[in-house]
Amino acid sequence: MNWYLDVLKNYVGFSGRARRKEFWMFVLFNFIVAVVLSIIGQVIGSQFLYYIYVLAVILPSLAVGVRRLHDTGRSGWWYFIGLVPLVGGIILLVFFASEGKAEANEHGPNPKYAA
């Protein structure tokens, strides 16, 4: 849960690096919350809570995605490759799943070994 809350606290932090664990734990908790809110919306007959939640996590999701790309040594502009039909999302998924660079890069030291 701390991984999810840390991303929300740094909701517009597009600089720096994000570990794989930080990114994927945020994605997991984000998915769980979205599913629960969607089910609640089905029960009450309105998806209002779900849409508010989606709007609230757009910036944190983009920020952690950009920081994840920074960890792999890529620019945050690579995020736009996801707009390419069919292959863009697959390439972005591979980038997100790859291991970060062990050494420090232009985006900062490796967060895995930083104290």
Protein backbone atom coordinates (compact mmCIF):
# COMPACT_ATOMS: atom_id res chain seq x y z
CA MET A 1 0.00 0.00 0.00
CA ASN A 2 2.93 2.34 0.66
CA TRP A 3 3.98 2.09 -3.00
CA TYR A 4 0.56 3.32 -4.07
CA LEU A 5 0.49 6.17 -1.55
CA ASP A 6 4.04 7.27 -2.40
CA VAL A 7 3.07 7.67 -6.05
CA LEU A 8 -0.01 9.67 -5.09
CA LYS A 9 2.07 11.93 -2.83
CA ASN A 10 4.47 12.59 -5.74
CA TYR A 11 1.59 13.08 -8.17
CA VAL A 12 3.25 15.62 -10.46
CA GLY A 13 6.86 14.52 -9.99
CA PHE A 14 7.95 13.82 -13.55
CA SER A 15 11.66 13.97 -12.72
CA GLY A 16 13.66 11.19 -11.18
CA ARG A 17 13.32 7.44 -11.49
CA ALA A 18 10.75 4.84 -10.43
CA ARG A 19 11.56 1.21 -9.76
CA ARG A 20 9.66 -1.60 -11.44
CA LYS A 21 8.13 -2.54 -8.11
CA GLU A 22 6.87 0.99 -7.49
CA PHE A 23 5.32 1.18 -10.96
CA TRP A 24 3.67 -2.25 -10.98
CA MET A 25 2.38 -2.00 -7.41
CA PHE A 26 0.75 1.32 -8.34
CA VAL A 27 -0.79 -0.31 -11.42
CA LEU A 28 -2.06 -3.24 -9.33
CA PHE A 29 -3.66 -1.09 -6.60
CA ASN A 30 -5.02 1.29 -9.22
CA PHE A 31 -6.66 -1.64 -11.03
CA ILE A 32 -8.14 -3.05 -7.81
CA VAL A 33 -9.60 0.31 -6.75
CA ALA A 34 -11.01 0.91 -10.25
CA VAL A 35 -12.69 -2.53 -10.32
CA VAL A 36 -14.18 -2.06 -6.84
CA LEU A 37 -15.50 1.41 -7.73
CA SER A 38 -16.92 0.07 -10.97
CA ILE A 39 -18.75 -2.71 -9.12
CA ILE A 40 -20.09 -0.20 -6.60
CA GLY A 41 -21.20 1.95 -9.51
CA GLN A 42 -23.05 -0.98 -11.06
CA VAL A 43 -24.83 -1.62 -7.77
CA ILE A 44 -25.93 1.98 -7.24
CA GLY A 45 -26.63 2.57 -10.93
CA SER A 46 -24.11 5.38 -11.46
CA GLN A 47 -20.43 5.29 -12.41
CA PHE A 48 -19.82 8.76 -10.91
CA LEU A 49 -17.30 7.53 -8.28
CA TYR A 50 -15.36 5.56 -10.89
CA TYR A 51 -15.06 8.56 -13.23
CA ILE A 52 -13.96 10.87 -10.41
CA TYR A 53 -11.29 8.33 -9.41
CA VAL A 54 -10.03 8.00 -12.99
CA LEU A 55 -9.74 11.77 -13.29
CA ALA A 56 -7.92 11.94 -9.95
CA VAL A 57 -5.22 9.41 -10.92
CA ILE A 58 -4.47 10.57 -14.48
CA LEU A 59 -1.53 12.78 -13.46
CA PRO A 60 0.00 10.32 -10.96
CA SER A 61 -0.25 7.56 -13.58
CA LEU A 62 1.50 9.66 -16.20
CA ALA A 63 4.15 10.78 -13.73
CA VAL A 64 5.03 7.28 -12.53
CA GLY A 65 5.11 6.07 -16.14
CA VAL A 66 7.55 8.80 -17.12
CA ARG A 67 9.71 8.09 -14.07
CA ARG A 68 9.67 4.38 -14.97
CA LEU A 69 10.92 5.23 -18.47
CA HIS A 70 13.63 7.38 -16.88
CA ASP A 71 14.74 4.36 -14.85
CA THR A 72 15.27 2.39 -18.05
CA GLY A 73 17.40 5.20 -19.47
CA ARG A 74 14.75 6.54 -21.84
CA SER A 75 13.21 9.97 -22.14
CA GLY A 76 9.67 10.52 -20.93
CA TRP A 77 8.73 11.39 -24.50
CA TRP A 78 8.81 7.64 -25.24
CA TYR A 79 5.44 7.53 -23.49
CA PHE A 80 3.88 8.76 -26.75
CA ILE A 81 4.88 5.54 -28.52
CA GLY A 82 1.79 4.09 -26.86
CA LEU A 83 -0.28 6.13 -29.33
CA VAL A 84 0.98 4.00 -32.24
CA PRO A 85 -1.77 1.48 -33.00
CA LEU A 86 -1.12 -2.16 -32.16
CA VAL A 87 2.64 -2.16 -31.54
CA GLY A 88 2.98 1.03 -29.50
CA GLY A 89 1.33 -0.41 -26.40
CA ILE A 90 3.37 -3.59 -26.65
CA ILE A 91 6.63 -1.66 -26.92
CA LEU A 92 5.64 0.51 -23.96
CA LEU A 93 4.78 -2.59 -21.92
CA VAL A 94 8.22 -4.04 -22.69
CA PHE A 95 9.86 -0.77 -21.61
CA PHE A 96 7.90 -0.76 -18.35
CA ALA A 97 8.77 -4.40 -17.64
CA SER A 98 12.49 -4.10 -18.38
CA GLU A 99 14.98 -3.75 -15.60
CA GLY A 100 16.26 -0.27 -14.82
CA LYS A 101 19.83 0.78 -15.44
CA ALA A 102 22.04 -0.20 -12.52
CA GLU A 103 24.23 2.89 -12.82
CA ALA A 104 23.18 6.47 -12.30
CA ASN A 105 21.91 8.22 -15.42
CA GLU A 106 20.88 11.77 -16.34
CA HIS A 107 17.65 11.31 -14.36
CA GLY A 108 19.33 10.48 -11.07
CA PRO A 109 20.82 7.61 -9.09
CA ASN A 110 19.35 4.12 -9.17
CA PRO A 111 16.39 4.15 -6.71
CA LYS A 112 16.97 0.50 -5.94
CA TYR A 113 20.26 1.27 -4.22
CA ALA A 114 19.60 4.82 -3.05
CA ALA A 115 19.32 5.17 0.72
